[in-house]
Amino acid sequence: MTYRIRRAGLADVPVVLDLVTGATAWLAMRGSDQWQYSPRVDRIEGSAAAGELWLVDDAVGQPIATVTVDRNADPEFWDENDVPGDALYLHRLVVDRVAAGRHLGVAVLDWASRRAAAAGVRWLRLDAWASNTDLHRYYTDQGWIHVRTLTLPHRGSGALFQRPAGEQTGSGPEIVEK
């Protein structure tokens, strides 16, 4: 199956919030403390306004995943030794549970990696929730390199991962940018 990915606009923010809220509830049911706070609407709106927020639609146009890809290195995580400008950064990757098992997350990661290569940067990076070791394993299984884990008392995130721009796993469905 081929999925379409498109830039999300401000009108799409409620859909993105629904996806994030659904993921938050699922994480809570699994006993995770990840994202157990109200979604940061201002950040999601800012990403939409900047053209950095994306939605993945299924064959009938139903949004089933979202991701933000930008150049915004979090200075609490990525310092000058990491050469923050030589990467794109992935945030808030969410796949609706209705699409579980389709390897859509893998396909979104591959798509973002192609975008990073097209942008001429060396890395695609992300910070994952520090206590979600299942998520860490997921990323390393997809070829991501664990850079380090930081423990900041005011942050839940802090497990830093990167993979070379353009690197593909090829194990997910096709995603076509529209």
N, C-alpha and C. Protein backbone atom coordinates (compact mmCIF):
# COMPACT_ATOMS: atom_id res chain seq x y z
N MET A 1 0.84 -1.18 0.00
CA MET A 1 0.00 0.00 0.00
C MET A 1 0.88 1.24 0.00
N THR A 2 0.44 2.25 -0.70
CA THR A 2 1.14 3.53 -0.75
C THR A 2 0.37 4.55 0.09
N TYR A 3 1.10 5.29 0.91
CA TYR A 3 0.51 6.34 1.73
C TYR A 3 0.98 7.68 1.21
N ARG A 4 0.16 8.70 1.43
CA ARG A 4 0.52 10.06 1.03
C ARG A 4 0.89 10.86 2.28
N ILE A 5 1.97 11.63 2.18
CA ILE A 5 2.34 12.53 3.26
C ILE A 5 2.23 13.94 2.73
N ARG A 6 1.67 14.82 3.56
CA ARG A 6 1.44 16.20 3.14
C ARG A 6 1.72 17.14 4.31
N ARG A 7 2.05 18.37 3.93
CA ARG A 7 2.23 19.38 4.97
C ARG A 7 0.89 19.63 5.65
N ALA A 8 0.93 19.74 6.95
CA ALA A 8 -0.28 20.04 7.71
C ALA A 8 -0.33 21.54 7.95
N GLY A 9 -1.50 22.11 7.77
CA GLY A 9 -1.70 23.53 8.02
C GLY A 9 -2.35 23.75 9.37
N LEU A 10 -2.61 25.00 9.69
CA LEU A 10 -3.24 25.32 10.96
C LEU A 10 -4.61 24.65 11.10
N ALA A 11 -5.33 24.50 10.00
CA ALA A 11 -6.64 23.83 10.04
C ALA A 11 -6.52 22.36 10.43
N ASP A 12 -5.33 21.78 10.26
CA ASP A 12 -5.10 20.37 10.60
C ASP A 12 -4.69 20.15 12.05
N VAL A 13 -4.43 21.22 12.79
CA VAL A 13 -3.95 21.08 14.16
C VAL A 13 -4.89 20.23 15.02
N PRO A 14 -6.22 20.39 14.94
CA PRO A 14 -7.09 19.52 15.75
C PRO A 14 -6.90 18.03 15.44
N VAL A 15 -6.66 17.69 14.19
CA VAL A 15 -6.41 16.29 13.82
C VAL A 15 -5.11 15.80 14.46
N VAL A 16 -4.08 16.63 14.39
CA VAL A 16 -2.79 16.28 15.00
C VAL A 16 -2.96 16.11 16.51
N LEU A 17 -3.70 17.00 17.13
CA LEU A 17 -3.94 16.89 18.58
C LEU A 17 -4.67 15.59 18.91
N ASP A 18 -5.63 15.20 18.08
CA ASP A 18 -6.33 13.92 18.29
C ASP A 18 -5.36 12.74 18.21
N LEU A 19 -4.45 12.77 17.23
CA LEU A 19 -3.47 11.70 17.10
C LEU A 19 -2.56 11.64 18.33
N VAL A 20 -2.09 12.79 18.77
CA VAL A 20 -1.21 12.85 19.95
C VAL A 20 -1.96 12.38 21.20
N THR A 21 -3.20 12.83 21.36
CA THR A 21 -3.99 12.43 22.52
C THR A 21 -4.24 10.92 22.53
N GLY A 22 -4.50 10.35 21.36
CA GLY A 22 -4.68 8.91 21.26
C GLY A 22 -3.41 8.16 21.64
N ALA A 23 -2.27 8.65 21.19
CA ALA A 23 -0.99 8.01 21.53
C ALA A 23 -0.71 8.13 23.02
N THR A 24 -1.04 9.28 23.59
CA THR A 24 -0.83 9.49 25.02
C THR A 24 -1.66 8.50 25.84
N ALA A 25 -2.91 8.31 25.45
CA ALA A 25 -3.77 7.36 26.16
C ALA A 25 -3.23 5.93 26.03
N TRP A 26 -2.77 5.57 24.84
CA TRP A 26 -2.22 4.22 24.63
C TRP A 26 -0.97 4.02 25.48
N LEU A 27 -0.10 5.03 25.53
CA LEU A 27 1.10 4.94 26.35
C LEU A 27 0.74 4.77 27.82
N ALA A 28 -0.25 5.52 28.29
CA ALA A 28 -0.67 5.41 29.69
C ALA A 28 -1.20 4.01 30.00
N MET A 29 -1.96 3.43 29.07
CA MET A 29 -2.48 2.07 29.27
C MET A 29 -1.35 1.06 29.39
N ARG A 30 -0.22 1.36 28.76
CA ARG A 30 0.93 0.45 28.82
C ARG A 30 1.82 0.74 30.04
N GLY A 31 1.42 1.72 30.85
CA GLY A 31 2.18 2.04 32.05
C GLY A 31 3.31 3.03 31.84
N SER A 32 3.34 3.68 30.69
CA SER A 32 4.41 4.64 30.39
C SER A 32 4.05 6.03 30.93
N ASP A 33 5.07 6.75 31.35
CA ASP A 33 4.87 8.14 31.76
C ASP A 33 5.10 9.11 30.60
N GLN A 34 5.37 8.58 29.41
CA GLN A 34 5.66 9.44 28.25
C GLN A 34 4.43 10.26 27.87
N TRP A 35 4.65 11.55 27.65
CA TRP A 35 3.64 12.50 27.16
C TRP A 35 2.42 12.60 28.06
N GLN A 36 2.56 12.33 29.33
CA GLN A 36 1.41 12.39 30.22
C GLN A 36 1.21 13.82 30.73
N TYR A 37 1.00 14.71 29.78
CA TYR A 37 0.69 16.11 30.03
C TYR A 37 -0.12 16.59 28.83
N SER A 38 -0.73 17.74 28.95
CA SER A 38 -1.51 18.28 27.84
C SER A 38 -0.60 18.58 26.66
N PRO A 39 -1.07 18.26 25.44
CA PRO A 39 -0.24 18.57 24.27
C PRO A 39 0.09 20.06 24.21
N ARG A 40 1.27 20.37 23.76
CA ARG A 40 1.72 21.77 23.66
C ARG A 40 1.20 22.35 22.34
N VAL A 41 -0.01 22.85 22.39
CA VAL A 41 -0.71 23.33 21.20
C VAL A 41 0.10 24.43 20.51
N ASP A 42 0.71 25.32 21.28
CA ASP A 42 1.48 26.41 20.68
C ASP A 42 2.63 25.89 19.83
N ARG A 43 3.29 24.83 20.28
CA ARG A 43 4.39 24.26 19.49
C ARG A 43 3.87 23.61 18.21
N ILE A 44 2.76 22.90 18.33
CA ILE A 44 2.18 22.24 17.15
C ILE A 44 1.71 23.28 16.15
N GLU A 45 1.07 24.34 16.63
CA GLU A 45 0.64 25.42 15.74
C GLU A 45 1.84 26.10 15.10
N GLY A 46 2.90 26.32 15.86
CA GLY A 46 4.12 26.92 15.31
C GLY A 46 4.74 26.06 14.23
N SER A 47 4.75 24.76 14.44
CA SER A 47 5.29 23.84 13.43
C SER A 47 4.43 23.87 12.17
N ALA A 48 3.12 23.94 12.34
CA ALA A 48 2.22 24.02 11.18
C ALA A 48 2.46 25.32 10.42
N ALA A 49 2.54 26.43 11.14
CA ALA A 49 2.75 27.73 10.50
C ALA A 49 4.08 27.79 9.76
N ALA A 50 5.08 27.08 10.27
CA ALA A 50 6.41 27.08 9.65
C ALA A 50 6.54 26.07 8.51
N GLY A 51 5.49 25.27 8.27
CA GLY A 51 5.55 24.26 7.21
C GLY A 51 6.36 23.04 7.59
N GLU A 52 6.50 22.77 8.89
CA GLU A 52 7.33 21.67 9.38
C GLU A 52 6.51 20.50 9.92
N LEU A 53 5.20 20.66 9.96
CA LEU A 53 4.30 19.64 10.48
C LEU A 53 3.72 18.86 9.31
N TRP A 54 3.70 17.54 9.42
CA TRP A 54 3.26 16.67 8.33
C TRP A 54 2.20 15.69 8.82
N LEU A 55 1.31 15.32 7.89
CA LEU A 55 0.31 14.29 8.14
C LEU A 55 0.44 13.21 7.08
N VAL A 56 0.28 11.97 7.49
CA VAL A 56 0.24 10.84 6.57
C VAL A 56 -1.21 10.41 6.45
N ASP A 57 -1.70 10.33 5.22
CA ASP A 57 -3.08 9.92 4.96
C ASP A 57 -3.11 8.51 4.40
N ASP A 58 -4.17 7.78 4.75
CA ASP A 58 -4.35 6.45 4.17
C ASP A 58 -4.98 6.59 2.78
N ALA A 59 -5.36 5.48 2.18
CA ALA A 59 -5.86 5.47 0.80
C ALA A 59 -7.13 6.28 0.61
N VAL A 60 -7.92 6.46 1.67
CA VAL A 60 -9.16 7.23 1.54
C VAL A 60 -9.01 8.65 2.08
N GLY A 61 -7.77 9.05 2.38
CA GLY A 61 -7.51 10.42 2.83
C GLY A 61 -7.65 10.65 4.32
N GLN A 62 -7.76 9.58 5.09
CA GLN A 62 -7.87 9.68 6.54
C GLN A 62 -6.47 9.85 7.15
N PRO A 63 -6.22 10.92 7.92
CA PRO A 63 -4.91 11.07 8.57
C PRO A 63 -4.68 9.97 9.61
N ILE A 64 -3.54 9.28 9.48
CA ILE A 64 -3.25 8.18 10.40
C ILE A 64 -1.87 8.29 11.04
N ALA A 65 -1.13 9.34 10.72
CA ALA A 65 0.18 9.55 11.35
C ALA A 65 0.57 11.01 11.22
N THR A 66 1.44 11.44 12.10
CA THR A 66 1.95 12.81 12.06
C THR A 66 3.40 12.82 12.51
N VAL A 67 4.12 13.82 12.03
CA VAL A 67 5.51 14.01 12.43
C VAL A 67 5.88 15.46 12.16
N THR A 68 6.81 15.97 12.92
CA THR A 68 7.40 17.28 12.66
C THR A 68 8.86 17.04 12.31
N VAL A 69 9.31 17.69 11.23
CA VAL A 69 10.71 17.62 10.81
C VAL A 69 11.18 19.06 10.63
N ASP A 70 12.24 19.44 11.35
CA ASP A 70 12.71 20.81 11.29
C ASP A 70 14.22 20.87 11.51
N ARG A 71 14.75 22.07 11.60
CA ARG A 71 16.17 22.29 11.85
C ARG A 71 16.42 22.74 13.29
N ASN A 72 15.42 22.58 14.14
CA ASN A 72 15.48 23.11 15.50
C ASN A 72 16.11 22.12 16.48
N ALA A 73 17.41 22.23 16.63
CA ALA A 73 18.14 21.41 17.60
C ALA A 73 17.84 21.94 19.00
N ASP A 74 17.39 21.09 19.88
CA ASP A 74 17.14 21.50 21.26
C ASP A 74 18.49 21.75 21.93
N PRO A 75 18.78 22.99 22.34
CA PRO A 75 20.10 23.30 22.91
C PRO A 75 20.38 22.60 24.24
N GLU A 76 19.34 22.10 24.91
CA GLU A 76 19.59 21.33 26.13
C GLU A 76 20.11 19.93 25.81
N PHE A 77 19.91 19.49 24.58
CA PHE A 77 20.31 18.14 24.19
C PHE A 77 21.51 18.12 23.25
N TRP A 78 21.49 18.97 22.25
CA TRP A 78 22.52 18.94 21.20
C TRP A 78 23.41 20.17 21.37
N ASP A 79 24.71 19.95 21.65
CA ASP A 79 25.62 21.07 21.85
C ASP A 79 26.50 21.30 20.62
N GLU A 80 27.40 22.26 20.72
CA GLU A 80 28.23 22.63 19.56
C GLU A 80 29.10 21.47 19.08
N ASN A 81 29.46 20.55 19.95
CA ASN A 81 30.25 19.39 19.52
C ASN A 81 29.47 18.47 18.59
N ASP A 82 28.14 18.54 18.67
CA ASP A 82 27.27 17.72 17.80
C ASP A 82 27.06 18.37 16.43
N VAL A 83 27.54 19.59 16.25
CA VAL A 83 27.32 20.37 15.03
C VAL A 83 25.82 20.37 14.70
N PRO A 84 25.02 21.05 15.53
CA PRO A 84 23.57 21.00 15.40
C PRO A 84 23.04 21.40 14.02
N GLY A 85 23.74 22.28 13.33
CA GLY A 85 23.28 22.72 12.02
C GLY A 85 23.43 21.69 10.93
N ASP A 86 24.08 20.58 11.22
CA ASP A 86 24.31 19.54 10.22
C ASP A 86 23.30 18.40 10.34
N ALA A 87 22.06 18.76 10.74
CA ALA A 87 21.03 17.74 10.92
C ALA A 87 19.64 18.33 10.74
N LEU A 88 18.71 17.46 10.41
CA LEU A 88 17.29 17.74 10.58
C LEU A 88 16.85 16.99 11.83
N TYR A 89 15.81 17.51 12.49
CA TYR A 89 15.35 16.96 13.75
C TYR A 89 13.90 16.52 13.64
N LEU A 90 13.65 15.33 14.13
CA LEU A 90 12.33 14.72 14.07
C LEU A 90 11.68 14.85 15.44
N HIS A 91 10.41 15.28 15.46
CA HIS A 91 9.66 15.46 16.71
C HIS A 91 8.25 14.87 16.57
N ARG A 92 7.72 14.43 17.68
CA ARG A 92 6.31 14.01 17.78
C ARG A 92 5.86 13.07 16.66
N LEU A 93 6.61 12.02 16.43
CA LEU A 93 6.16 10.99 15.49
C LEU A 93 5.07 10.18 16.16
N VAL A 94 3.89 10.18 15.56
CA VAL A 94 2.75 9.43 16.09
C VAL A 94 2.10 8.67 14.95
N VAL A 95 1.85 7.39 15.17
CA VAL A 95 1.08 6.57 14.24
C VAL A 95 -0.17 6.11 14.97
N ASP A 96 -1.33 6.37 14.39
CA ASP A 96 -2.60 5.96 14.98
C ASP A 96 -2.61 4.44 15.16
N ARG A 97 -3.19 3.98 16.25
CA ARG A 97 -3.24 2.55 16.53
C ARG A 97 -3.99 1.78 15.44
N VAL A 98 -4.87 2.43 14.68
CA VAL A 98 -5.56 1.71 13.59
C VAL A 98 -4.57 1.26 12.53
N ALA A 99 -3.40 1.88 12.49
CA ALA A 99 -2.38 1.52 11.50
C ALA A 99 -1.25 0.69 12.12
N ALA A 100 -1.42 0.24 13.34
CA ALA A 100 -0.39 -0.55 14.01
C ALA A 100 -0.09 -1.82 13.21
N GLY A 101 1.18 -2.17 13.16
CA GLY A 101 1.59 -3.38 12.47
C GLY A 101 1.84 -3.22 10.99
N ARG A 102 1.62 -2.04 10.45
CA ARG A 102 1.82 -1.81 9.02
C ARG A 102 3.22 -1.27 8.71
N HIS A 103 4.04 -1.09 9.72
CA HIS A 103 5.40 -0.55 9.57
C HIS A 103 5.40 0.88 9.04
N LEU A 104 4.33 1.60 9.34
CA LEU A 104 4.21 2.98 8.88
C LEU A 104 5.25 3.88 9.54
N GLY A 105 5.55 3.64 10.81
CA GLY A 105 6.58 4.42 11.49
C GLY A 105 7.92 4.29 10.80
N VAL A 106 8.27 3.08 10.39
CA VAL A 106 9.52 2.84 9.66
C VAL A 106 9.52 3.64 8.36
N ALA A 107 8.39 3.63 7.66
CA ALA A 107 8.29 4.35 6.39
C ALA A 107 8.44 5.86 6.60
N VAL A 108 7.86 6.39 7.68
CA VAL A 108 7.99 7.82 7.97
C VAL A 108 9.44 8.16 8.28
N LEU A 109 10.12 7.30 9.03
CA LEU A 109 11.53 7.53 9.34
C LEU A 109 12.37 7.53 8.06
N ASP A 110 12.10 6.61 7.15
CA ASP A 110 12.82 6.57 5.87
C ASP A 110 12.54 7.83 5.06
N TRP A 111 11.28 8.26 5.03
CA TRP A 111 10.91 9.49 4.30
C TRP A 111 11.68 10.69 4.88
N ALA A 112 11.69 10.80 6.22
CA ALA A 112 12.39 11.92 6.86
C ALA A 112 13.89 11.86 6.57
N SER A 113 14.43 10.67 6.51
CA SER A 113 15.85 10.51 6.19
C SER A 113 16.15 10.99 4.77
N ARG A 114 15.25 10.71 3.84
CA ARG A 114 15.41 11.22 2.47
C ARG A 114 15.34 12.74 2.45
N ARG A 115 14.45 13.32 3.24
CA ARG A 115 14.35 14.79 3.32
C ARG A 115 15.65 15.38 3.86
N ALA A 116 16.22 14.72 4.86
CA ALA A 116 17.49 15.21 5.43
C ALA A 116 18.59 15.19 4.37
N ALA A 117 18.66 14.11 3.60
CA ALA A 117 19.67 14.03 2.53
C ALA A 117 19.43 15.12 1.50
N ALA A 118 18.18 15.34 1.13
CA ALA A 118 17.86 16.37 0.14
C ALA A 118 18.19 17.77 0.67
N ALA A 119 18.14 17.95 1.99
CA ALA A 119 18.48 19.23 2.60
C ALA A 119 19.99 19.43 2.70
N GLY A 120 20.75 18.39 2.39
CA GLY A 120 22.21 18.51 2.39
C GLY A 120 22.84 18.42 3.77
N VAL A 121 22.13 17.83 4.73
CA VAL A 121 22.70 17.67 6.07
C VAL A 121 23.21 16.25 6.25
N ARG A 122 24.01 16.06 7.27
CA ARG A 122 24.65 14.76 7.50
C ARG A 122 23.76 13.79 8.28
N TRP A 123 22.91 14.34 9.18
CA TRP A 123 22.18 13.49 10.12
C TRP A 123 20.69 13.79 10.15
N LEU A 124 19.93 12.78 10.53
CA LEU A 124 18.56 12.93 11.00
C LEU A 124 18.61 12.55 12.48
N ARG A 125 18.07 13.43 13.34
CA ARG A 125 18.20 13.22 14.77
C ARG A 125 16.85 13.30 15.47
N LEU A 126 16.81 12.73 16.66
CA LEU A 126 15.62 12.83 17.50
C LEU A 126 16.01 12.65 18.95
N ASP A 127 15.14 13.14 19.82
CA ASP A 127 15.28 12.83 21.24
C ASP A 127 14.03 12.04 21.64
N ALA A 128 14.27 10.92 22.28
CA ALA A 128 13.18 10.03 22.70
C ALA A 128 13.01 10.11 24.22
N TRP A 129 11.84 9.73 24.66
CA TRP A 129 11.53 9.71 26.08
C TRP A 129 12.56 8.84 26.79
N ALA A 130 13.20 9.37 27.81
CA ALA A 130 14.33 8.69 28.45
C ALA A 130 13.97 7.34 29.06
N SER A 131 12.77 7.21 29.61
CA SER A 131 12.41 5.96 30.29
C SER A 131 11.76 4.93 29.38
N ASN A 132 11.51 5.25 28.12
CA ASN A 132 10.82 4.34 27.21
C ASN A 132 11.83 3.46 26.47
N THR A 133 12.31 2.44 27.16
CA THR A 133 13.35 1.58 26.58
C THR A 133 12.84 0.77 25.39
N ASP A 134 11.54 0.49 25.35
CA ASP A 134 10.98 -0.19 24.16
C ASP A 134 11.15 0.70 22.93
N LEU A 135 10.93 1.99 23.10
CA LEU A 135 11.10 2.94 22.00
C LEU A 135 12.57 3.02 21.59
N HIS A 136 13.46 3.02 22.55
CA HIS A 136 14.90 3.05 22.24
C HIS A 136 15.27 1.84 21.39
N ARG A 137 14.77 0.68 21.78
CA ARG A 137 15.05 -0.55 21.03
C ARG A 137 14.46 -0.46 19.61
N TYR A 138 13.27 0.11 19.49
CA TYR A 138 12.65 0.30 18.18
C TYR A 138 13.59 1.11 17.27
N TYR A 139 14.10 2.22 17.79
CA TYR A 139 14.97 3.06 16.97
C TYR A 139 16.28 2.35 16.62
N THR A 140 16.90 1.69 17.56
CA THR A 140 18.15 0.99 17.23
C THR A 140 17.89 -0.14 16.24
N ASP A 141 16.74 -0.79 16.35
CA ASP A 141 16.38 -1.83 15.37
C ASP A 141 16.21 -1.26 13.96
N GLN A 142 15.92 0.05 13.87
CA GLN A 142 15.77 0.71 12.58
C GLN A 142 17.07 1.39 12.12
N GLY A 143 18.17 1.05 12.77
CA GLY A 143 19.47 1.55 12.33
C GLY A 143 19.91 2.87 12.95
N TRP A 144 19.19 3.34 13.95
CA TRP A 144 19.57 4.57 14.62
C TRP A 144 20.71 4.30 15.59
N ILE A 145 21.56 5.30 15.76
CA ILE A 145 22.70 5.23 16.67
C ILE A 145 22.32 5.97 17.95
N HIS A 146 22.46 5.29 19.09
CA HIS A 146 22.22 5.96 20.37
C HIS A 146 23.44 6.82 20.67
N VAL A 147 23.24 8.12 20.74
CA VAL A 147 24.34 9.06 20.97
C VAL A 147 24.64 9.16 22.47
N ARG A 148 23.61 9.40 23.26
CA ARG A 148 23.74 9.49 24.71
C ARG A 148 22.34 9.69 25.29
N THR A 149 22.25 9.49 26.59
CA THR A 149 21.01 9.79 27.31
C THR A 149 21.34 10.79 28.39
N LEU A 150 20.61 11.89 28.38
CA LEU A 150 20.77 12.94 29.38
C LEU A 150 19.61 12.86 30.36
N THR A 151 19.91 13.10 31.61
CA THR A 151 18.86 13.15 32.63
C THR A 151 18.75 14.59 33.09
N LEU A 152 17.68 15.23 32.70
CA LEU A 152 17.42 16.60 33.11
C LEU A 152 16.16 16.57 33.97
N PRO A 153 16.22 17.12 35.19
CA PRO A 153 15.09 16.98 36.11
C PRO A 153 13.77 17.56 35.60
N HIS A 154 13.84 18.51 34.71
CA HIS A 154 12.63 19.15 34.20
C HIS A 154 12.19 18.61 32.84
N ARG A 155 12.82 17.53 32.37
CA ARG A 155 12.51 16.97 31.05
C ARG A 155 12.33 15.46 31.16
N GLY A 156 11.35 14.93 30.43
CA GLY A 156 11.17 13.49 30.35
C GLY A 156 11.97 12.89 29.21
N SER A 157 12.17 13.70 28.19
CA SER A 157 12.94 13.26 27.04
C SER A 157 14.42 13.36 27.37
N GLY A 158 15.25 12.78 26.52
CA GLY A 158 16.68 12.89 26.77
C GLY A 158 17.52 11.77 26.18
N ALA A 159 16.88 10.75 25.59
CA ALA A 159 17.63 9.70 24.90
C ALA A 159 17.84 10.17 23.47
N LEU A 160 19.07 10.47 23.11
CA LEU A 160 19.38 11.08 21.82
C LEU A 160 19.83 10.03 20.81
N PHE A 161 19.23 10.10 19.63
CA PHE A 161 19.52 9.16 18.55
C PHE A 161 19.76 9.92 17.26
N GLN A 162 20.55 9.32 16.39
CA GLN A 162 20.76 9.88 15.05
C GLN A 162 21.02 8.75 14.07
N ARG A 163 20.77 9.05 12.80
CA ARG A 163 21.17 8.12 11.75
C ARG A 163 21.57 8.95 10.55
N PRO A 164 22.45 8.41 9.71
CA PRO A 164 22.92 9.18 8.56
C PRO A 164 21.76 9.58 7.65
N ALA A 165 21.79 10.82 7.20
CA ALA A 165 20.78 11.30 6.26
C ALA A 165 20.80 10.42 5.02
N GLY A 166 19.64 10.07 4.55
CA GLY A 166 19.52 9.25 3.35
C GLY A 166 19.48 7.76 3.61
N GLU A 167 19.89 7.33 4.80
CA GLU A 167 19.88 5.89 5.10
C GLU A 167 18.44 5.39 5.12
N GLN A 168 18.22 4.24 4.50
CA GLN A 168 16.88 3.66 4.37
C GLN A 168 16.87 2.24 4.91
N THR A 169 15.77 1.88 5.58
CA THR A 169 15.59 0.49 5.98
C THR A 169 14.88 -0.27 4.86
N GLY A 170 13.99 0.43 4.16
CA GLY A 170 13.25 -0.20 3.07
C GLY A 170 12.25 -1.24 3.51
N SER A 171 11.98 -1.32 4.81
CA SER A 171 11.09 -2.37 5.30
C SER A 171 9.66 -1.91 5.52
N GLY A 172 9.38 -0.65 5.26
CA GLY A 172 8.03 -0.14 5.44
C GLY A 172 7.33 0.08 4.12
N PRO A 173 6.07 0.48 4.16
CA PRO A 173 5.33 0.76 2.93
C PRO A 173 5.87 2.02 2.25
N GLU A 174 5.43 2.24 1.05
CA GLU A 174 5.86 3.42 0.30
C GLU A 174 5.10 4.65 0.79
N ILE A 175 5.83 5.75 0.93
CA ILE A 175 5.23 7.04 1.27
C ILE A 175 5.57 8.01 0.15
N VAL A 176 4.54 8.66 -0.37
CA VAL A 176 4.70 9.61 -1.46
C VAL A 176 4.32 10.99 -0.95
N GLU A 177 5.21 11.94 -1.15
CA GLU A 177 4.94 13.31 -0.73
C GLU A 177 4.02 13.97 -1.72
N LYS A 178 3.01 14.64 -1.19
CA LYS A 178 2.06 15.32 -2.08
C LYS A 178 2.07 16.80 -1.84
